[in-house]
Amino acid sequence: PGKQRELVARITSGGTPTYADSAR
């Protein structure tokens, strides 16, 4: 609420994940 959209996690088609510090 009241903030910008931010990345949580993403994953490539090969299955490599990336996480935001808050989610790791």
mmCIF file of all heavy atoms, coordinates in Angstrom:
data_MODEL
# 
_entry.id   MODEL 
# 
loop_
_atom_site.group_PDB 
_atom_site.id 
_atom_site.type_symbol 
_atom_site.label_atom_id 
_atom_site.label_alt_id 
_atom_site.label_comp_id 
_atom_site.label_asym_id 
_atom_site.label_entity_id 
_atom_site.label_seq_id 
_atom_site.pdbx_PDB_ins_code 
_atom_site.Cartn_x 
_atom_site.Cartn_y 
_atom_site.Cartn_z 
_atom_site.occupancy 
_atom_site.B_iso_or_equiv 
_atom_site.pdbx_formal_charge 
_atom_site.auth_seq_id 
_atom_site.auth_comp_id 
_atom_site.auth_asym_id 
_atom_site.auth_atom_id 
_atom_site.pdbx_PDB_model_num 
ATOM 1   N N   . PRO A 1 1  ? 0.826  -1.219  0.000   1.00 0.00 ? 1  PRO A N   1 
ATOM 2   C CA  . PRO A 1 1  ? 0.000  0.000   0.000   1.00 0.00 ? 1  PRO A CA  1 
ATOM 3   C C   . PRO A 1 1  ? 0.856  1.265   0.000   1.00 0.00 ? 1  PRO A C   1 
ATOM 4   O O   . PRO A 1 1  ? 1.750  1.410   0.839   1.00 0.00 ? 1  PRO A O   1 
ATOM 5   C CB  . PRO A 1 1  ? -0.802 -0.128  1.300   1.00 0.00 ? 1  PRO A CB  1 
ATOM 6   C CG  . PRO A 1 1  ? -0.814 -1.579  1.609   1.00 0.00 ? 1  PRO A CG  1 
ATOM 7   C CD  . PRO A 1 1  ? 0.482  -2.119  1.101   1.00 0.00 ? 1  PRO A CD  1 
ATOM 8   N N   . GLY A 1 2  ? 0.602  2.156   -0.934  1.00 0.00 ? 2  GLY A N   1 
ATOM 9   C CA  . GLY A 1 2  ? 1.315  3.422   -1.003  1.00 0.00 ? 2  GLY A CA  1 
ATOM 10  C C   . GLY A 1 2  ? 2.739  3.342   -1.489  1.00 0.00 ? 2  GLY A C   1 
ATOM 11  O O   . GLY A 1 2  ? 3.474  4.338   -1.424  1.00 0.00 ? 2  GLY A O   1 
ATOM 12  N N   . LYS A 1 3  ? 3.149  2.183   -1.987  1.00 0.00 ? 3  LYS A N   1 
ATOM 13  C CA  . LYS A 1 3  ? 4.531  2.027   -2.440  1.00 0.00 ? 3  LYS A CA  1 
ATOM 14  C C   . LYS A 1 3  ? 4.577  1.556   -3.890  1.00 0.00 ? 3  LYS A C   1 
ATOM 15  O O   . LYS A 1 3  ? 3.568  1.195   -4.478  1.00 0.00 ? 3  LYS A O   1 
ATOM 16  C CB  . LYS A 1 3  ? 5.277  1.039   -1.539  1.00 0.00 ? 3  LYS A CB  1 
ATOM 17  C CG  . LYS A 1 3  ? 5.400  1.502   -0.099  1.00 0.00 ? 3  LYS A CG  1 
ATOM 18  C CD  . LYS A 1 3  ? 6.233  0.532   0.720   1.00 0.00 ? 3  LYS A CD  1 
ATOM 19  C CE  . LYS A 1 3  ? 6.383  1.004   2.157   1.00 0.00 ? 3  LYS A CE  1 
ATOM 20  N NZ  . LYS A 1 3  ? 7.201  0.070   2.968   1.00 0.00 ? 3  LYS A NZ  1 
ATOM 21  N N   . GLN A 1 4  ? 5.790  1.560   -4.457  1.00 0.00 ? 4  GLN A N   1 
ATOM 22  C CA  . GLN A 1 4  ? 5.954  1.125   -5.830  1.00 0.00 ? 4  GLN A CA  1 
ATOM 23  C C   . GLN A 1 4  ? 6.004  -0.393  -5.921  1.00 0.00 ? 4  GLN A C   1 
ATOM 24  O O   . GLN A 1 4  ? 6.305  -1.094  -4.949  1.00 0.00 ? 4  GLN A O   1 
ATOM 25  C CB  . GLN A 1 4  ? 7.241  1.732   -6.408  1.00 0.00 ? 4  GLN A CB  1 
ATOM 26  C CG  . GLN A 1 4  ? 7.191  3.242   -6.590  1.00 0.00 ? 4  GLN A CG  1 
ATOM 27  C CD  . GLN A 1 4  ? 8.422  3.774   -7.305  1.00 0.00 ? 4  GLN A CD  1 
ATOM 28  O OE1 . GLN A 1 4  ? 9.500  3.197   -7.215  1.00 0.00 ? 4  GLN A OE1 1 
ATOM 29  N NE2 . GLN A 1 4  ? 8.256  4.876   -8.032  1.00 0.00 ? 4  GLN A NE2 1 
ATOM 30  N N   . ARG A 1 5  ? 5.726  -0.870  -7.119  1.00 0.00 ? 5  ARG A N   1 
ATOM 31  C CA  . ARG A 1 5  ? 5.824  -2.308  -7.365  1.00 0.00 ? 5  ARG A CA  1 
ATOM 32  C C   . ARG A 1 5  ? 7.285  -2.730  -7.294  1.00 0.00 ? 5  ARG A C   1 
ATOM 33  O O   . ARG A 1 5  ? 8.171  -2.036  -7.791  1.00 0.00 ? 5  ARG A O   1 
ATOM 34  C CB  . ARG A 1 5  ? 5.235  -2.638  -8.733  1.00 0.00 ? 5  ARG A CB  1 
ATOM 35  C CG  . ARG A 1 5  ? 4.983  -4.095  -8.980  1.00 0.00 ? 5  ARG A CG  1 
ATOM 36  C CD  . ARG A 1 5  ? 4.231  -4.318  -10.283 1.00 0.00 ? 5  ARG A CD  1 
ATOM 37  N NE  . ARG A 1 5  ? 2.927  -3.699  -10.274 1.00 0.00 ? 5  ARG A NE  1 
ATOM 38  C CZ  . ARG A 1 5  ? 2.028  -3.881  -11.246 1.00 0.00 ? 5  ARG A CZ  1 
ATOM 39  N NH1 . ARG A 1 5  ? 2.299  -4.674  -12.276 1.00 0.00 ? 5  ARG A NH1 1 
ATOM 40  N NH2 . ARG A 1 5  ? 0.858  -3.273  -11.180 1.00 0.00 ? 5  ARG A NH2 1 
ATOM 41  N N   . GLU A 1 6  ? 7.514  -3.904  -6.697  1.00 0.00 ? 6  GLU A N   1 
ATOM 42  C CA  . GLU A 1 6  ? 8.882  -4.384  -6.507  1.00 0.00 ? 6  GLU A CA  1 
ATOM 43  C C   . GLU A 1 6  ? 8.973  -5.873  -6.818  1.00 0.00 ? 6  GLU A C   1 
ATOM 44  O O   . GLU A 1 6  ? 7.996  -6.621  -6.660  1.00 0.00 ? 6  GLU A O   1 
ATOM 45  C CB  . GLU A 1 6  ? 9.339  -4.146  -5.065  1.00 0.00 ? 6  GLU A CB  1 
ATOM 46  C CG  . GLU A 1 6  ? 8.509  -4.850  -4.015  1.00 0.00 ? 6  GLU A CG  1 
ATOM 47  C CD  . GLU A 1 6  ? 8.889  -4.503  -2.586  1.00 0.00 ? 6  GLU A CD  1 
ATOM 48  O OE1 . GLU A 1 6  ? 9.578  -3.487  -2.376  1.00 0.00 ? 6  GLU A OE1 1 
ATOM 49  O OE2 . GLU A 1 6  ? 8.501  -5.256  -1.677  1.00 0.00 ? 6  GLU A OE2 1 
ATOM 50  N N   . LEU A 1 7  ? 10.156 -6.276  -7.232  1.00 0.00 ? 7  LEU A N   1 
ATOM 51  C CA  . LEU A 1 7  ? 10.394 -7.683  -7.516  1.00 0.00 ? 7  LEU A CA  1 
ATOM 52  C C   . LEU A 1 7  ? 10.390 -8.490  -6.221  1.00 0.00 ? 7  LEU A C   1 
ATOM 53  O O   . LEU A 1 7  ? 10.969 -8.073  -5.217  1.00 0.00 ? 7  LEU A O   1 
ATOM 54  C CB  . LEU A 1 7  ? 11.739 -7.862  -8.213  1.00 0.00 ? 7  LEU A CB  1 
ATOM 55  C CG  . LEU A 1 7  ? 12.218 -9.289  -8.407  1.00 0.00 ? 7  LEU A CG  1 
ATOM 56  C CD1 . LEU A 1 7  ? 11.361 -10.016 -9.440  1.00 0.00 ? 7  LEU A CD1 1 
ATOM 57  C CD2 . LEU A 1 7  ? 13.678 -9.318  -8.816  1.00 0.00 ? 7  LEU A CD2 1 
ATOM 58  N N   . VAL A 1 8  ? 9.749  -9.652  -6.260  1.00 0.00 ? 8  VAL A N   1 
ATOM 59  C CA  . VAL A 1 8  ? 9.814  -10.607 -5.152  1.00 0.00 ? 8  VAL A CA  1 
ATOM 60  C C   . VAL A 1 8  ? 10.745 -11.757 -5.540  1.00 0.00 ? 8  VAL A C   1 
ATOM 61  O O   . VAL A 1 8  ? 11.708 -12.059 -4.835  1.00 0.00 ? 8  VAL A O   1 
ATOM 62  C CB  . VAL A 1 8  ? 8.424  -11.160 -4.804  1.00 0.00 ? 8  VAL A CB  1 
ATOM 63  C CG1 . VAL A 1 8  ? 8.531  -12.194 -3.688  1.00 0.00 ? 8  VAL A CG1 1 
ATOM 64  C CG2 . VAL A 1 8  ? 7.473  -10.033 -4.422  1.00 0.00 ? 8  VAL A CG2 1 
ATOM 65  N N   . ALA A 1 9  ? 10.452 -12.383 -6.680  1.00 0.00 ? 9  ALA A N   1 
ATOM 66  C CA  . ALA A 1 9  ? 11.272 -13.491 -7.152  1.00 0.00 ? 9  ALA A CA  1 
ATOM 67  C C   . ALA A 1 9  ? 10.969 -13.711 -8.629  1.00 0.00 ? 9  ALA A C   1 
ATOM 68  O O   . ALA A 1 9  ? 9.861  -13.421 -9.086  1.00 0.00 ? 9  ALA A O   1 
ATOM 69  C CB  . ALA A 1 9  ? 10.997 -14.760 -6.358  1.00 0.00 ? 9  ALA A CB  1 
ATOM 70  N N   . ARG A 1 10 ? 11.946 -14.226 -9.349  1.00 0.00 ? 10 ARG A N   1 
ATOM 71  C CA  . ARG A 1 10 ? 11.719 -14.582 -10.731 1.00 0.00 ? 10 ARG A CA  1 
ATOM 72  C C   . ARG A 1 10 ? 12.518 -15.842 -11.030 1.00 0.00 ? 10 ARG A C   1 
ATOM 73  O O   . ARG A 1 10 ? 13.424 -16.212 -10.275 1.00 0.00 ? 10 ARG A O   1 
ATOM 74  C CB  . ARG A 1 10 ? 12.085 -13.460 -11.698 1.00 0.00 ? 10 ARG A CB  1 
ATOM 75  C CG  . ARG A 1 10 ? 13.523 -13.013 -11.635 1.00 0.00 ? 10 ARG A CG  1 
ATOM 76  C CD  . ARG A 1 10 ? 13.827 -12.023 -12.744 1.00 0.00 ? 10 ARG A CD  1 
ATOM 77  N NE  . ARG A 1 10 ? 15.139 -11.408 -12.547 1.00 0.00 ? 10 ARG A NE  1 
ATOM 78  C CZ  . ARG A 1 10 ? 15.289 -10.118 -12.306 1.00 0.00 ? 10 ARG A CZ  1 
ATOM 79  N NH1 . ARG A 1 10 ? 14.243 -9.315  -12.230 1.00 0.00 ? 10 ARG A NH1 1 
ATOM 80  N NH2 . ARG A 1 10 ? 16.497 -9.615  -12.131 1.00 0.00 ? 10 ARG A NH2 1 
ATOM 81  N N   . ILE A 1 11 ? 12.165 -16.491 -12.126 1.00 0.00 ? 11 ILE A N   1 
ATOM 82  C CA  . ILE A 1 11 ? 12.810 -17.752 -12.464 1.00 0.00 ? 11 ILE A CA  1 
ATOM 83  C C   . ILE A 1 11 ? 12.907 -17.860 -13.974 1.00 0.00 ? 11 ILE A C   1 
ATOM 84  O O   . ILE A 1 11 ? 11.961 -17.528 -14.697 1.00 0.00 ? 11 ILE A O   1 
ATOM 85  C CB  . ILE A 1 11 ? 12.024 -18.940 -11.841 1.00 0.00 ? 11 ILE A CB  1 
ATOM 86  C CG1 . ILE A 1 11 ? 12.774 -20.257 -12.046 1.00 0.00 ? 11 ILE A CG1 1 
ATOM 87  C CG2 . ILE A 1 11 ? 10.600 -19.002 -12.350 1.00 0.00 ? 11 ILE A CG2 1 
ATOM 88  C CD1 . ILE A 1 11 ? 12.202 -21.396 -11.204 1.00 0.00 ? 11 ILE A CD1 1 
ATOM 89  N N   . THR A 1 12 ? 14.052 -18.293 -14.456 1.00 0.00 ? 12 THR A N   1 
ATOM 90  C CA  . THR A 1 12 ? 14.250 -18.420 -15.890 1.00 0.00 ? 12 THR A CA  1 
ATOM 91  C C   . THR A 1 12 ? 13.579 -19.685 -16.416 1.00 0.00 ? 12 THR A C   1 
ATOM 92  O O   . THR A 1 12 ? 13.143 -20.544 -15.640 1.00 0.00 ? 12 THR A O   1 
ATOM 93  C CB  . THR A 1 12 ? 15.747 -18.478 -16.213 1.00 0.00 ? 12 THR A CB  1 
ATOM 94  O OG1 . THR A 1 12 ? 16.284 -19.704 -15.683 1.00 0.00 ? 12 THR A OG1 1 
ATOM 95  C CG2 . THR A 1 12 ? 16.491 -17.288 -15.620 1.00 0.00 ? 12 THR A CG2 1 
ATOM 96  N N   . SER A 1 13 ? 13.526 -19.813 -17.730 1.00 0.00 ? 13 SER A N   1 
ATOM 97  C CA  . SER A 1 13 ? 12.946 -21.011 -18.322 1.00 0.00 ? 13 SER A CA  1 
ATOM 98  C C   . SER A 1 13 ? 13.768 -22.248 -17.955 1.00 0.00 ? 13 SER A C   1 
ATOM 99  O O   . SER A 1 13 ? 13.230 -23.357 -17.921 1.00 0.00 ? 13 SER A O   1 
ATOM 100 C CB  . SER A 1 13 ? 12.858 -20.865 -19.840 1.00 0.00 ? 13 SER A CB  1 
ATOM 101 O OG  . SER A 1 13 ? 14.141 -20.594 -20.386 1.00 0.00 ? 13 SER A OG  1 
ATOM 102 N N   . GLY A 1 14 ? 15.036 -22.041 -17.638 1.00 0.00 ? 14 GLY A N   1 
ATOM 103 C CA  . GLY A 1 14 ? 15.892 -23.151 -17.223 1.00 0.00 ? 14 GLY A CA  1 
ATOM 104 C C   . GLY A 1 14 ? 15.804 -23.480 -15.748 1.00 0.00 ? 14 GLY A C   1 
ATOM 105 O O   . GLY A 1 14 ? 16.435 -24.435 -15.287 1.00 0.00 ? 14 GLY A O   1 
ATOM 106 N N   . GLY A 1 15 ? 15.029 -22.676 -15.015 1.00 0.00 ? 15 GLY A N   1 
ATOM 107 C CA  . GLY A 1 15 ? 14.811 -22.980 -13.603 1.00 0.00 ? 15 GLY A CA  1 
ATOM 108 C C   . GLY A 1 15 ? 15.728 -22.257 -12.630 1.00 0.00 ? 15 GLY A C   1 
ATOM 109 O O   . GLY A 1 15 ? 15.751 -22.593 -11.440 1.00 0.00 ? 15 GLY A O   1 
ATOM 110 N N   . THR A 1 16 ? 16.462 -21.259 -13.089 1.00 0.00 ? 16 THR A N   1 
ATOM 111 C CA  . THR A 1 16 ? 17.336 -20.506 -12.189 1.00 0.00 ? 16 THR A CA  1 
ATOM 112 C C   . THR A 1 16 ? 16.558 -19.396 -11.508 1.00 0.00 ? 16 THR A C   1 
ATOM 113 O O   . THR A 1 16 ? 16.023 -18.516 -12.179 1.00 0.00 ? 16 THR A O   1 
ATOM 114 C CB  . THR A 1 16 ? 18.520 -19.898 -12.957 1.00 0.00 ? 16 THR A CB  1 
ATOM 115 O OG1 . THR A 1 16 ? 19.271 -20.940 -13.576 1.00 0.00 ? 16 THR A OG1 1 
ATOM 116 C CG2 . THR A 1 16 ? 19.420 -19.113 -12.005 1.00 0.00 ? 16 THR A CG2 1 
ATOM 117 N N   . PRO A 1 17 ? 16.486 -19.423 -10.176 1.00 0.00 ? 17 PRO A N   1 
ATOM 118 C CA  . PRO A 1 17 ? 15.715 -18.400 -9.460  1.00 0.00 ? 17 PRO A CA  1 
ATOM 119 C C   . PRO A 1 17 ? 16.556 -17.204 -9.024  1.00 0.00 ? 17 PRO A C   1 
ATOM 120 O O   . PRO A 1 17 ? 17.773 -17.315 -8.854  1.00 0.00 ? 17 PRO A O   1 
ATOM 121 C CB  . PRO A 1 17 ? 15.211 -19.157 -8.233  1.00 0.00 ? 17 PRO A CB  1 
ATOM 122 C CG  . PRO A 1 17 ? 16.325 -20.115 -7.931  1.00 0.00 ? 17 PRO A CG  1 
ATOM 123 C CD  . PRO A 1 17 ? 16.929 -20.489 -9.264  1.00 0.00 ? 17 PRO A CD  1 
ATOM 124 N N   . THR A 1 18 ? 15.861 -16.093 -8.861  1.00 0.00 ? 18 THR A N   1 
ATOM 125 C CA  . THR A 1 18 ? 16.444 -14.898 -8.256  1.00 0.00 ? 18 THR A CA  1 
ATOM 126 C C   . THR A 1 18 ? 15.450 -14.384 -7.236  1.00 0.00 ? 18 THR A C   1 
ATOM 127 O O   . THR A 1 18 ? 14.246 -14.354 -7.510  1.00 0.00 ? 18 THR A O   1 
ATOM 128 C CB  . THR A 1 18 ? 16.691 -13.809 -9.315  1.00 0.00 ? 18 THR A CB  1 
ATOM 129 O OG1 . THR A 1 18 ? 17.573 -14.307 -10.316 1.00 0.00 ? 18 THR A OG1 1 
ATOM 130 C CG2 . THR A 1 18 ? 17.295 -12.564 -8.670  1.00 0.00 ? 18 THR A CG2 1 
ATOM 131 N N   . TYR A 1 19 ? 15.953 -13.977 -6.068  1.00 0.00 ? 19 TYR A N   1 
ATOM 132 C CA  . TYR A 1 19 ? 15.075 -13.501 -5.000  1.00 0.00 ? 19 TYR A CA  1 
ATOM 133 C C   . TYR A 1 19 ? 15.464 -12.112 -4.545  1.00 0.00 ? 19 TYR A C   1 
ATOM 134 O O   . TYR A 1 19 ? 16.652 -11.763 -4.499  1.00 0.00 ? 19 TYR A O   1 
ATOM 135 C CB  . TYR A 1 19 ? 15.149 -14.434 -3.789  1.00 0.00 ? 19 TYR A CB  1 
ATOM 136 C CG  . TYR A 1 19 ? 14.642 -15.822 -4.039  1.00 0.00 ? 19 TYR A CG  1 
ATOM 137 C CD1 . TYR A 1 19 ? 15.509 -16.859 -4.368  1.00 0.00 ? 19 TYR A CD1 1 
ATOM 138 C CD2 . TYR A 1 19 ? 13.280 -16.114 -3.954  1.00 0.00 ? 19 TYR A CD2 1 
ATOM 139 C CE1 . TYR A 1 19 ? 15.045 -18.137 -4.606  1.00 0.00 ? 19 TYR A CE1 1 
ATOM 140 C CE2 . TYR A 1 19 ? 12.810 -17.393 -4.197  1.00 0.00 ? 19 TYR A CE2 1 
ATOM 141 C CZ  . TYR A 1 19 ? 13.697 -18.391 -4.526  1.00 0.00 ? 19 TYR A CZ  1 
ATOM 142 O OH  . TYR A 1 19 ? 13.220 -19.662 -4.758  1.00 0.00 ? 19 TYR A OH  1 
ATOM 143 N N   . ALA A 1 20 ? 14.462 -11.325 -4.177  1.00 0.00 ? 20 ALA A N   1 
ATOM 144 C CA  . ALA A 1 20 ? 14.717 -10.085 -3.472  1.00 0.00 ? 20 ALA A CA  1 
ATOM 145 C C   . ALA A 1 20 ? 15.256 -10.429 -2.083  1.00 0.00 ? 20 ALA A C   1 
ATOM 146 O O   . ALA A 1 20 ? 14.964 -11.503 -1.543  1.00 0.00 ? 20 ALA A O   1 
ATOM 147 C CB  . ALA A 1 20 ? 13.439 -9.268  -3.349  1.00 0.00 ? 20 ALA A CB  1 
ATOM 148 N N   . ASP A 1 21 ? 16.018 -9.515  -1.513  1.00 0.00 ? 21 ASP A N   1 
ATOM 149 C CA  . ASP A 1 21 ? 16.574 -9.766  -0.175  1.00 0.00 ? 21 ASP A CA  1 
ATOM 150 C C   . ASP A 1 21 ? 15.472 -10.070 0.838   1.00 0.00 ? 21 ASP A C   1 
ATOM 151 O O   . ASP A 1 21 ? 15.633 -10.905 1.725   1.00 0.00 ? 21 ASP A O   1 
ATOM 152 C CB  . ASP A 1 21 ? 17.393 -8.551  0.291   1.00 0.00 ? 21 ASP A CB  1 
ATOM 153 C CG  . ASP A 1 21 ? 18.699 -8.403  -0.480  1.00 0.00 ? 21 ASP A CG  1 
ATOM 154 O OD1 . ASP A 1 21 ? 19.111 -9.378  -1.134  1.00 0.00 ? 21 ASP A OD1 1 
ATOM 155 O OD2 . ASP A 1 21 ? 19.287 -7.304  -0.419  1.00 0.00 ? 21 ASP A OD2 1 
ATOM 156 N N   . SER A 1 22 ? 14.341 -9.398  0.693   1.00 0.00 ? 22 SER A N   1 
ATOM 157 C CA  . SER A 1 22 ? 13.248 -9.571  1.648   1.00 0.00 ? 22 SER A CA  1 
ATOM 158 C C   . SER A 1 22 ? 12.603 -10.952 1.557   1.00 0.00 ? 22 SER A C   1 
ATOM 159 O O   . SER A 1 22 ? 11.940 -11.396 2.496   1.00 0.00 ? 22 SER A O   1 
ATOM 160 C CB  . SER A 1 22 ? 12.184 -8.494  1.420   1.00 0.00 ? 22 SER A CB  1 
ATOM 161 O OG  . SER A 1 22 ? 11.679 -8.578  0.095   1.00 0.00 ? 22 SER A OG  1 
ATOM 162 N N   . ALA A 1 23 ? 12.786 -11.619 0.423   1.00 0.00 ? 23 ALA A N   1 
ATOM 163 C CA  . ALA A 1 23 ? 12.146 -12.912 0.191   1.00 0.00 ? 23 ALA A CA  1 
ATOM 164 C C   . ALA A 1 23 ? 13.095 -14.096 0.385   1.00 0.00 ? 23 ALA A C   1 
ATOM 165 O O   . ALA A 1 23 ? 12.649 -15.213 0.667   1.00 0.00 ? 23 ALA A O   1 
ATOM 166 C CB  . ALA A 1 23 ? 11.584 -12.962 -1.222  1.00 0.00 ? 23 ALA A CB  1 
ATOM 167 N N   . ARG A 1 24 ? 14.371 -13.835 0.250   1.00 0.00 ? 24 ARG A N   1 
ATOM 168 C CA  . ARG A 1 24 ? 15.346 -14.932 0.305   1.00 0.00 ? 24 ARG A CA  1 
ATOM 169 C C   . ARG A 1 24 ? 15.300 -15.639 1.654   1.00 0.00 ? 24 ARG A C   1 
ATOM 170 O O   . ARG A 1 24 ? 15.306 -15.025 2.711   1.00 0.00 ? 24 ARG A O   1 
ATOM 171 C CB  . ARG A 1 24 ? 16.750 -14.382 0.043   1.00 0.00 ? 24 ARG A CB  1 
ATOM 172 C CG  . ARG A 1 24 ? 17.791 -15.451 -0.203  1.00 0.00 ? 24 ARG A CG  1 
ATOM 173 C CD  . ARG A 1 24 ? 19.124 -14.847 -0.614  1.00 0.00 ? 24 ARG A CD  1 
ATOM 174 N NE  . ARG A 1 24 ? 19.026 -14.150 -1.898  1.00 0.00 ? 24 ARG A NE  1 
ATOM 175 C CZ  . ARG A 1 24 ? 19.116 -12.828 -2.048  1.00 0.00 ? 24 ARG A CZ  1 
ATOM 176 N NH1 . ARG A 1 24 ? 19.326 -12.068 -0.985  1.00 0.00 ? 24 ARG A NH1 1 
ATOM 177 N NH2 . ARG A 1 24 ? 19.028 -12.279 -3.238  1.00 0.00 ? 24 ARG A NH2 1 
# 
